[in-house]
């Protein structure tokens, strides 16, 4: 297991890079529907016993059913199992697809695919994180096609109820659903965070699919999907990490409506709703800094390193500074204390750690250049500050006006300027987003 990215400094204090490493676009139909349905169930029983150190050892089962709104269709149940002795190919725990038809001789069909097999049971190893590909089709007993007109079509996802066998919910692992292109294995289109949909819809996450229109051949797939256990919602560029590169995509489309955006990952019911708003932001924040390759980050992520101190007073490069001046600064975001360095040398000595943002150096020598630095501290470690300097005036220059006023002439410190750069922008929003809805 590679070291966590969390063990290196994560910069949420500076610019957000609007760069995508891959172009994954979003395509989906978000029409919801309810009523009596024919259904077919597919069971995903997945055991996750941790990576190399058994972190977050857990197992899980999730049921995924294809519901179409034609009462004449019956359904069948299928299992995908991750268990000791399972294999990524066909093995002892696998069973091939077989259909038992209802009186009308037709049913919906979901199968999982490994090379050469359509599976009724798909048994994989307990530590498998291989994406599970599923295909949707209809199946008629006479082998002929069947016509549909504006037929509602949905996937329903749910965990077992308390007390049922295999009542496991995968611990902290991600569970996401993607639409895939059978002709291009690199083309994936995010559909839903399954765990989020289940939580927000009272135990059953309903994921709308495009309506069925036209004539569908028996056992010829019309829908291709993928269930992933290695990708957290918010990892828009699929680099394994939910980070500020992903956040830049939320910022680009923030508060847009009726939009097909890769950043549309949630809504009031946990399903993407073609709006980029607080529902998407909240899900992104809940997964911020989670690394799909490192179980250490799957639980609650501790805060990143503090931002640098800012707004030095006297200002950097100030002249004719009074010899009885107190040093002041603005604390960097997420800092809990400050290491102060001060002296008349270019590498000022350490003078102590304090929680106050004011330091009294005593009476200084006149006409002397002094240097100082503030390193910001929190539970994660230290962020080294910038080196600042100023020059005192003559001995009789007590309380004289300094040059380079702080804030600079013409600038105003306003509410919302969290990083104190005199501009309220997405740099400040990124800092606010980290603590969104967190109670102190």
Protein backbone atom coordinates (compact mmCIF):
# COMPACT_ATOMS: atom_id res chain seq x y z
CA UNK A 1 0.00 0.00 0.00
CA UNK A 2 1.51 3.32 -0.99
CA UNK A 3 1.79 6.10 1.61
CA UNK A 4 -1.24 8.29 2.05
CA UNK A 5 -1.25 11.57 0.17
CA UNK A 6 -2.54 12.86 3.43
CA UNK A 7 0.93 12.56 4.91
CA UNK A 8 2.19 15.33 2.66
CA UNK A 9 0.97 18.89 2.85
CA UNK A 10 -2.31 19.53 1.08
CA UNK A 11 -2.53 23.10 -0.17
CA UNK A 12 -6.01 24.54 0.37
CA UNK A 13 -4.60 28.03 0.90
CA UNK A 14 -3.65 28.97 -2.67
CA UNK A 15 -4.99 28.74 -6.19
CA UNK A 16 -7.36 26.06 -7.45
CA UNK A 17 -6.20 24.44 -10.69
CA UNK A 18 -9.09 23.94 -13.14
CA UNK A 19 -7.42 20.97 -14.86
CA UNK A 20 -8.86 17.60 -15.84
CA UNK A 21 -6.48 14.73 -16.41
CA UNK A 22 -9.20 12.87 -18.30
CA UNK A 23 -12.41 14.06 -19.88
CA UNK A 24 -15.22 12.12 -18.23
CA UNK A 25 -18.57 13.61 -19.15
CA UNK A 26 -21.92 13.01 -17.49
CA UNK A 27 -24.97 11.71 -19.31
CA UNK A 28 -28.09 10.66 -17.46
CA UNK A 29 -31.89 10.71 -17.37
CA UNK A 30 -33.20 11.97 -14.05
CA UNK A 31 -36.95 11.38 -14.44
CA UNK A 32 -38.39 9.64 -11.34
CA UNK A 33 -41.40 7.33 -11.31
CA UNK A 34 -43.35 5.18 -8.87
CA UNK A 35 -45.91 2.39 -8.99
CA UNK A 36 -46.27 -1.36 -9.24
CA UNK A 37 -43.45 -2.85 -11.24
CA UNK A 38 -41.97 -6.01 -12.58
CA UNK A 39 -38.47 -6.36 -11.22
CA UNK A 40 -35.31 -8.36 -11.40
CA UNK A 41 -32.85 -8.38 -8.51
CA UNK A 42 -29.11 -8.63 -8.55
CA UNK A 43 -27.34 -9.20 -5.25
CA UNK A 44 -23.87 -7.87 -4.62
CA UNK A 45 -22.26 -9.59 -1.64
CA UNK A 46 -18.86 -8.08 -1.20
CA UNK A 47 -16.37 -8.85 1.56
CA UNK A 48 -13.72 -6.23 2.14
CA UNK A 49 -11.15 -7.51 4.63
CA UNK A 50 -8.83 -4.57 4.30
CA UNK A 51 -5.72 -3.96 2.29
CA UNK A 52 -2.29 -4.99 3.56
CA UNK A 53 -3.06 -4.06 7.17
CA UNK A 54 -6.76 -5.07 7.52
CA UNK A 55 -7.83 -1.46 8.01
CA UNK A 56 -11.60 -0.90 7.87
CA UNK A 57 -12.26 -4.64 7.65
CA UNK A 58 -15.89 -5.04 6.63
CA UNK A 59 -18.19 -6.94 4.32
CA UNK A 60 -21.28 -5.81 2.49
CA UNK A 61 -24.28 -6.73 0.44
CA UNK A 62 -26.32 -4.54 -1.80
CA UNK A 63 -29.34 -5.43 -3.90
CA UNK A 64 -29.81 -3.80 -7.31
CA UNK A 65 -33.14 -4.37 -9.07
CA UNK A 66 -34.23 -3.30 -12.57
CA UNK A 67 -37.84 -2.07 -12.43
CA UNK A 68 -39.85 -1.53 -15.59
CA UNK A 69 -43.48 -0.42 -15.45
CA UNK A 70 -45.01 -3.33 -17.36
CA UNK A 71 -46.95 -5.67 -15.06
CA UNK A 72 -46.57 -8.62 -17.44
CA UNK A 73 -42.83 -8.86 -16.84
CA UNK A 74 -41.40 -11.09 -14.09
CA UNK A 75 -38.01 -10.85 -12.53
CA UNK A 76 -35.27 -13.07 -11.18
CA UNK A 77 -32.59 -12.69 -8.51
CA UNK A 78 -28.87 -12.93 -9.11
CA UNK A 79 -25.88 -12.94 -6.81
CA UNK A 80 -22.44 -11.45 -7.07
CA UNK A 81 -20.35 -12.74 -4.17
CA UNK A 82 -16.93 -11.76 -2.86
CA UNK A 83 -15.88 -14.65 -0.62
CA UNK A 84 -12.84 -16.69 0.44
CA UNK A 85 -11.96 -18.96 -2.44
CA UNK A 86 -13.56 -16.73 -5.05
CA UNK A 87 -11.73 -15.84 -8.22
CA UNK A 88 -11.79 -12.98 -10.69
CA UNK A 89 -12.63 -15.55 -13.39
CA UNK A 90 -15.06 -18.45 -13.47
CA UNK A 91 -14.67 -20.65 -10.36
CA UNK A 92 -16.35 -22.86 -7.79
CA UNK A 93 -18.63 -20.11 -6.43
CA UNK A 94 -19.86 -19.01 -9.87
CA UNK A 95 -23.07 -20.17 -11.57
CA UNK A 96 -24.16 -19.32 -15.08
CA UNK A 97 -27.35 -17.50 -15.95
CA UNK A 98 -30.60 -19.43 -16.25
CA UNK A 99 -34.16 -18.07 -16.53
CA UNK A 100 -37.47 -19.29 -15.09
CA UNK A 101 -40.28 -17.52 -16.94
CA UNK A 102 -43.52 -16.19 -15.50
CA UNK A 103 -46.90 -17.17 -17.07
CA UNK A 104 -46.60 -14.50 -19.76
CA UNK A 105 -43.24 -15.94 -20.79
CA UNK A 106 -41.14 -12.82 -20.37
CA UNK A 107 -38.87 -11.28 -17.78
CA UNK A 108 -36.29 -8.59 -17.40
CA UNK A 109 -32.70 -9.77 -17.21
CA UNK A 110 -29.57 -8.56 -15.45
CA UNK A 111 -26.31 -10.46 -15.76
CA UNK A 112 -22.77 -9.90 -14.64
CA UNK A 113 -20.13 -10.62 -17.21
CA UNK A 114 -16.73 -12.25 -17.11
CA UNK A 115 -15.12 -13.41 -20.37
CA UNK A 116 -17.18 -16.23 -21.77
CA UNK A 117 -19.89 -16.30 -19.09
CA UNK A 118 -23.17 -14.65 -18.15
CA UNK A 119 -23.34 -15.27 -14.43
CA UNK A 120 -26.14 -16.06 -12.03
CA UNK A 121 -23.62 -16.04 -9.15
CA UNK A 122 -20.31 -14.17 -9.52
CA UNK A 123 -17.86 -15.22 -6.78
CA UNK A 124 -14.84 -12.95 -6.36
CA UNK A 125 -12.11 -12.82 -3.67
CA UNK A 126 -12.79 -11.00 -0.40
CA UNK A 127 -10.14 -8.37 -1.19
CA UNK A 128 -11.34 -7.78 -4.75
CA UNK A 129 -11.91 -4.19 -5.80
CA UNK A 130 -12.51 -5.08 -9.44
CA UNK A 131 -15.40 -3.05 -10.92
CA UNK A 132 -18.51 -5.14 -11.54
CA UNK A 133 -19.96 -4.80 -15.05
CA UNK A 134 -23.67 -5.51 -15.45
CA UNK A 135 -25.89 -5.66 -18.53
CA UNK A 136 -29.64 -5.07 -18.85
CA UNK A 137 -31.89 -6.77 -21.38
CA UNK A 138 -35.30 -8.43 -21.71
CA UNK A 139 -35.82 -12.16 -22.15
CA UNK A 140 -38.83 -13.72 -23.92
CA UNK A 141 -39.56 -17.43 -23.75
CA UNK A 142 -40.39 -17.57 -27.47
CA UNK A 143 -37.15 -15.78 -28.32
CA UNK A 144 -38.79 -12.93 -30.22
CA UNK A 145 -38.57 -9.16 -29.67
CA UNK A 146 -40.90 -7.09 -27.52
CA UNK A 147 -42.10 -3.49 -28.13
CA UNK A 148 -42.19 -0.66 -25.57
CA UNK A 149 -43.48 2.89 -25.72
CA UNK A 150 -42.31 5.48 -23.15
CA UNK A 151 -41.89 2.71 -20.57
CA UNK A 152 -40.47 3.94 -17.26
CA UNK A 153 -37.27 2.19 -16.28
CA UNK A 154 -35.33 2.37 -13.00
CA UNK A 155 -32.65 0.73 -10.90
CA UNK A 156 -33.50 0.25 -7.21
CA UNK A 157 -30.62 -0.17 -4.75
CA UNK A 158 -30.82 -1.23 -1.11
CA UNK A 159 -28.83 -2.76 1.71
CA UNK A 160 -30.31 -5.70 3.65
CA UNK A 161 -32.61 -4.81 6.52
CA UNK A 162 -31.35 -5.14 10.09
CA UNK A 163 -31.45 -8.77 11.17
CA UNK A 164 -31.33 -10.20 7.66
CA UNK A 165 -28.41 -12.41 6.59
CA UNK A 166 -25.38 -10.53 5.34
CA UNK A 167 -26.38 -7.30 7.06
CA UNK A 168 -23.17 -5.53 6.12
CA UNK A 169 -22.76 -2.18 4.40
CA UNK A 170 -19.11 -2.22 3.27
CA UNK A 171 -17.83 -0.10 6.17
CA UNK A 172 -16.33 3.07 4.70
CA UNK A 173 -15.81 1.82 1.15
CA UNK A 174 -17.27 3.83 -1.75
CA UNK A 175 -20.13 2.37 -3.77
CA UNK A 176 -20.84 4.22 -7.01
CA UNK A 177 -22.79 3.43 -10.18
CA UNK A 178 -21.55 4.41 -13.63
CA UNK A 179 -22.94 4.08 -17.14
CA UNK A 180 -20.37 2.55 -19.45
CA UNK A 181 -19.87 2.42 -23.19
CA UNK A 182 -19.40 -1.21 -24.36
CA UNK A 183 -17.34 0.04 -27.30
CA UNK A 184 -15.00 2.21 -25.22
CA UNK A 185 -13.83 0.82 -21.85
CA UNK A 186 -12.38 4.21 -20.89
CA UNK A 187 -15.70 6.03 -21.27
CA UNK A 188 -17.51 6.12 -17.93
CA UNK A 189 -20.43 8.41 -17.06
CA UNK A 190 -21.24 8.95 -13.40
CA UNK A 191 -24.82 8.08 -12.47
CA UNK A 192 -25.14 8.01 -8.69
CA UNK A 193 -23.50 7.52 -5.33
CA UNK A 194 -25.42 4.40 -4.30
CA UNK A 195 -24.80 4.88 -0.58
CA UNK A 196 -26.00 8.50 -0.74
CA UNK A 197 -29.17 7.56 -2.63
CA UNK A 198 -30.05 4.82 -0.15
CA UNK A 199 -29.50 7.15 2.81
CA UNK A 200 -31.59 10.01 1.41
CA UNK A 201 -34.48 7.91 0.06
CA UNK A 202 -35.32 5.99 3.20
CA UNK A 203 -33.48 2.74 2.51
CA UNK A 204 -34.08 2.29 -1.24
CA UNK A 205 -32.10 4.38 -3.68
CA UNK A 206 -34.06 4.84 -6.93
CA UNK A 207 -31.88 5.64 -9.93
CA UNK A 208 -33.85 6.69 -13.05
CA UNK A 209 -32.84 5.19 -16.39
CA UNK A 210 -33.86 6.31 -19.88
CA UNK A 211 -37.38 5.23 -20.85
CA UNK A 212 -37.71 2.13 -23.01
CA UNK A 213 -38.86 3.11 -26.50
CA UNK A 214 -38.97 0.88 -29.55
CA UNK A 215 -38.62 -2.86 -30.06
CA UNK A 216 -36.08 -4.75 -27.97
CA UNK A 217 -34.65 -8.10 -29.04
CA UNK A 218 -34.63 -10.94 -26.52
CA UNK A 219 -31.35 -11.27 -24.57
CA UNK A 220 -29.67 -8.49 -26.54
CA UNK A 221 -28.26 -5.93 -24.07
CA UNK A 222 -29.57 -2.38 -24.22
CA UNK A 223 -27.96 -1.00 -21.05
CA UNK A 224 -24.40 -1.30 -19.77
CA UNK A 225 -23.44 -0.22 -16.25
CA UNK A 226 -20.63 -0.58 -13.75
CA UNK A 227 -20.60 -0.76 -9.96
CA UNK A 228 -17.34 0.52 -8.50
CA UNK A 229 -15.89 0.01 -5.05
CA UNK A 230 -12.75 2.07 -5.66
CA UNK A 231 -14.00 5.55 -6.57
CA UNK A 232 -15.38 8.15 -4.17
CA UNK A 233 -18.01 10.59 -5.41
CA UNK A 234 -16.27 13.90 -6.01
CA UNK A 235 -13.26 12.29 -7.71
CA UNK A 236 -14.33 13.78 -11.02
CA UNK A 237 -11.05 13.18 -12.84
CA UNK A 238 -10.74 9.59 -11.50
CA UNK A 239 -7.19 10.04 -10.23
CA UNK A 240 -8.03 8.22 -6.99
CA UNK A 241 -8.14 11.33 -4.79
CA UNK A 242 -10.90 13.80 -3.98
CA UNK A 243 -8.94 17.04 -4.02
CA UNK A 244 -8.91 20.65 -5.21
CA UNK A 245 -8.59 19.67 -8.87
CA UNK A 246 -12.06 18.17 -8.47
CA UNK A 247 -13.30 21.22 -6.56
CA UNK A 248 -12.39 23.46 -9.49
CA UNK A 249 -15.13 21.74 -11.52
CA UNK A 250 -17.75 22.53 -8.89
CA UNK A 251 -16.63 26.16 -8.91
CA UNK A 252 -16.89 26.39 -12.71
CA UNK A 253 -20.55 25.33 -12.72
CA UNK A 254 -21.60 26.58 -9.28
CA UNK A 255 -25.36 27.36 -9.05
CA UNK A 256 -26.00 26.46 -12.68
CA UNK A 257 -29.29 24.68 -13.42
CA UNK A 258 -30.43 22.35 -16.19
CA UNK A 259 -26.80 21.49 -16.88
CA UNK A 260 -25.00 18.26 -17.80
CA UNK A 261 -21.95 18.63 -15.59
CA UNK A 262 -19.46 16.12 -14.27
CA UNK A 263 -19.81 17.94 -10.92
CA UNK A 264 -23.51 17.00 -10.63
CA UNK A 265 -23.16 14.13 -8.13
CA UNK A 266 -26.17 14.56 -5.83
CA UNK A 267 -29.51 16.22 -5.22
CA UNK A 268 -32.26 16.36 -2.56
CA UNK A 269 -32.82 12.59 -2.89
CA UNK A 270 -29.15 11.73 -3.34
CA UNK A 271 -29.47 11.41 -7.14
CA UNK A 272 -27.91 13.91 -9.61
CA UNK A 273 -30.52 16.52 -10.53
CA UNK A 274 -28.81 18.65 -13.25
CA UNK A 275 -28.06 21.40 -10.70
CA UNK A 276 -24.73 22.30 -9.10
CA UNK A 277 -25.60 23.37 -5.57
CA UNK A 278 -25.15 22.63 -1.86
CA UNK A 279 -26.13 18.96 -2.31
CA UNK A 280 -23.19 18.38 -4.64
CA UNK A 281 -20.89 20.45 -2.44
CA UNK A 282 -21.88 18.57 0.73
CA UNK A 283 -21.17 15.17 -0.83
CA UNK A 284 -17.86 16.44 -2.20
CA UNK A 285 -16.88 17.76 1.24
CA UNK A 286 -17.79 14.48 2.95
CA UNK A 287 -15.25 12.73 0.70
CA UNK A 288 -12.63 15.49 0.60
CA UNK A 289 -9.05 14.11 0.77
CA UNK A 290 -10.22 10.50 0.66
CA UNK A 291 -7.78 8.39 -1.32
CA UNK A 292 -9.24 5.24 -2.87
CA UNK A 293 -5.81 3.57 -2.62
CA UNK A 294 -5.34 4.25 1.09
CA UNK A 295 -7.84 2.94 3.69
CA UNK A 296 -6.31 5.36 6.23
CA UNK A 297 -8.28 8.13 4.55
CA UNK A 298 -11.64 6.36 4.22
CA UNK A 299 -12.89 7.46 7.63
CA UNK A 300 -13.08 11.04 8.83
CA UNK A 301 -10.17 12.91 7.31
CA UNK A 302 -8.18 15.02 9.81
CA UNK A 303 -7.62 18.67 8.93
CA UNK A 304 -4.80 19.58 6.56
CA UNK A 305 -1.78 21.66 7.47
CA UNK A 306 -2.40 25.29 8.45
CA UNK A 307 -2.16 28.12 5.96
CA UNK A 308 0.61 30.67 6.21
CA UNK A 309 0.35 33.70 8.46
CA UNK A 310 -0.36 36.98 6.67
CA UNK A 311 -0.88 40.73 6.98
CA UNK A 312 2.36 41.53 8.84
CA UNK A 313 2.49 44.73 10.86
CA UNK A 314 4.86 46.45 10.47
CA UNK A 315 4.49 45.60 6.79
CA UNK A 316 7.27 43.83 4.97
CA UNK A 317 9.83 46.41 3.83
CA UNK A 318 8.44 49.10 6.15
CA UNK A 319 10.75 52.00 7.07
CA UNK A 320 10.94 54.55 9.87
CA UNK A 321 9.20 52.07 12.17
CA UNK A 322 8.89 53.11 15.81
CA UNK A 323 11.40 51.48 18.16
CA UNK A 324 8.62 50.42 20.57
CA UNK A 325 6.57 48.66 17.89
CA UNK A 326 4.62 45.45 18.56
CA UNK A 327 4.63 42.81 15.83
CA UNK A 328 1.16 41.71 14.65
CA UNK A 329 -0.13 39.33 11.98
CA UNK A 330 -3.22 37.46 10.80
CA UNK A 331 -3.30 33.81 11.79
CA UNK A 332 -3.27 31.30 8.94
CA UNK A 333 -6.44 29.26 8.51
CA UNK A 334 -6.53 26.11 10.70
CA UNK A 335 -3.55 27.21 12.84
CA UNK A 336 -3.74 26.68 16.59
CA UNK A 337 -0.49 28.35 17.66
CA UNK A 338 2.45 30.29 16.23
CA UNK A 339 6.25 29.84 16.35
CA UNK A 340 7.84 33.30 16.41
CA UNK A 341 11.29 34.01 14.94
CA UNK A 342 12.72 37.51 15.40
CA UNK A 343 16.11 39.23 15.30
CA UNK A 344 18.51 41.54 13.51
CA UNK A 345 19.96 38.72 11.37
CA UNK A 346 18.62 37.46 8.06
CA UNK A 347 17.94 34.08 9.70
CA UNK A 348 16.20 35.28 12.88
CA UNK A 349 16.34 33.04 15.96
CA UNK A 350 13.35 31.24 17.46
CA UNK A 351 11.86 33.22 20.33
CA UNK A 352 8.99 30.94 21.38
CA UNK A 353 5.56 29.50 20.62
CA UNK A 354 2.37 31.42 21.46
CA UNK A 355 -1.35 31.50 20.71
CA UNK A 356 -1.57 35.29 20.46
CA UNK A 357 -1.05 37.05 17.13
CA UNK A 358 0.84 39.92 18.78
CA UNK A 359 4.51 39.81 19.85
CA UNK A 360 6.32 42.46 21.92
CA UNK A 361 10.05 42.47 21.03
CA UNK A 362 10.83 45.19 23.59
CA UNK A 363 12.53 48.49 22.74
CA UNK A 364 14.44 48.12 19.50
CA UNK A 365 17.62 49.80 18.32
CA UNK A 366 17.13 52.84 16.11
CA UNK A 367 18.03 52.81 12.42
CA UNK A 368 18.28 49.01 12.39
CA UNK A 369 16.84 46.39 10.05
CA UNK A 370 15.03 43.51 11.74
CA UNK A 371 13.74 40.24 10.30
CA UNK A 372 10.89 38.05 11.52
CA UNK A 373 8.89 35.00 10.56
CA UNK A 374 5.77 33.27 11.85
CA UNK A 375 5.41 29.51 11.41
CA UNK A 376 1.83 28.28 11.83
CA UNK A 377 1.18 25.13 13.88
CA UNK A 378 -1.69 22.64 14.20
CA UNK A 379 -2.10 18.95 15.00
CA UNK A 380 -0.89 17.96 11.54
CA UNK A 381 2.38 19.86 11.76
CA UNK A 382 4.01 23.17 10.81
CA UNK A 383 3.70 25.53 7.85
CA UNK A 384 6.79 27.72 7.46
CA UNK A 385 5.96 31.38 7.00
CA UNK A 386 7.41 34.10 4.80
CA UNK A 387 10.45 36.06 5.96
CA UNK A 388 9.49 39.69 6.65
CA UNK A 389 11.68 42.69 7.41
CA UNK A 390 11.44 46.32 8.47
CA UNK A 391 13.79 49.16 9.45
CA UNK A 392 13.40 51.30 12.55
CA UNK A 393 13.65 55.10 12.53
CA UNK A 394 15.74 57.34 14.79
CA UNK A 395 15.51 57.14 18.56
CA UNK A 396 12.94 59.95 18.67
CA UNK A 397 10.65 58.24 16.12
CA UNK A 398 8.22 56.78 18.65
CA UNK A 399 4.72 56.27 17.20
CA UNK A 400 5.63 57.85 13.82
CA UNK A 401 3.71 56.90 10.69
CA UNK A 402 5.21 53.94 8.84
CA UNK A 403 5.37 53.48 5.10
CA UNK A 404 3.57 50.61 3.36
CA UNK A 405 0.37 50.81 5.45
CA UNK A 406 -1.54 47.63 6.23
CA UNK A 407 -3.91 47.11 4.63
CA UNK A 408 -2.36 48.76 1.55
CA UNK A 409 -3.73 52.08 0.41
CA UNK A 410 -6.96 51.62 -1.49
CA UNK A 411 -7.59 48.11 -0.12
CA UNK A 412 -10.31 47.18 2.35
CA UNK A 413 -10.55 44.03 4.45
CA UNK A 414 -14.09 42.69 4.01
CA UNK A 415 -16.07 39.81 5.47
CA UNK A 416 -15.49 36.60 3.54
CA UNK A 417 -11.84 37.35 2.72
CA UNK A 418 -10.70 34.27 4.64
CA UNK A 419 -7.15 34.13 3.31
CA UNK A 420 -6.69 37.92 3.60
CA UNK A 421 -5.63 38.63 0.02
CA UNK A 422 -8.16 41.48 -0.27
CA UNK A 423 -10.28 39.52 -2.76
CA UNK A 424 -13.32 37.38 -1.92
CA UNK A 425 -13.12 34.49 -4.38
CA UNK A 426 -13.07 30.69 -4.65
CA UNK A 427 -9.82 30.52 -2.66
CA UNK A 428 -11.86 31.70 0.31
CA UNK A 429 -14.74 29.41 -0.68
CA UNK A 430 -12.38 26.42 -0.69
CA UNK A 431 -11.43 27.14 2.92
CA UNK A 432 -15.08 27.50 3.93
CA UNK A 433 -15.96 24.29 2.08
CA UNK A 434 -13.56 22.24 4.18
CA UNK A 435 -15.47 23.05 7.36
CA UNK A 436 -18.95 23.04 5.77
CA UNK A 437 -21.58 22.01 8.33
CA UNK A 438 -18.88 20.88 10.76
CA UNK A 439 -19.71 21.63 14.39
CA UNK A 440 -17.08 23.00 16.68
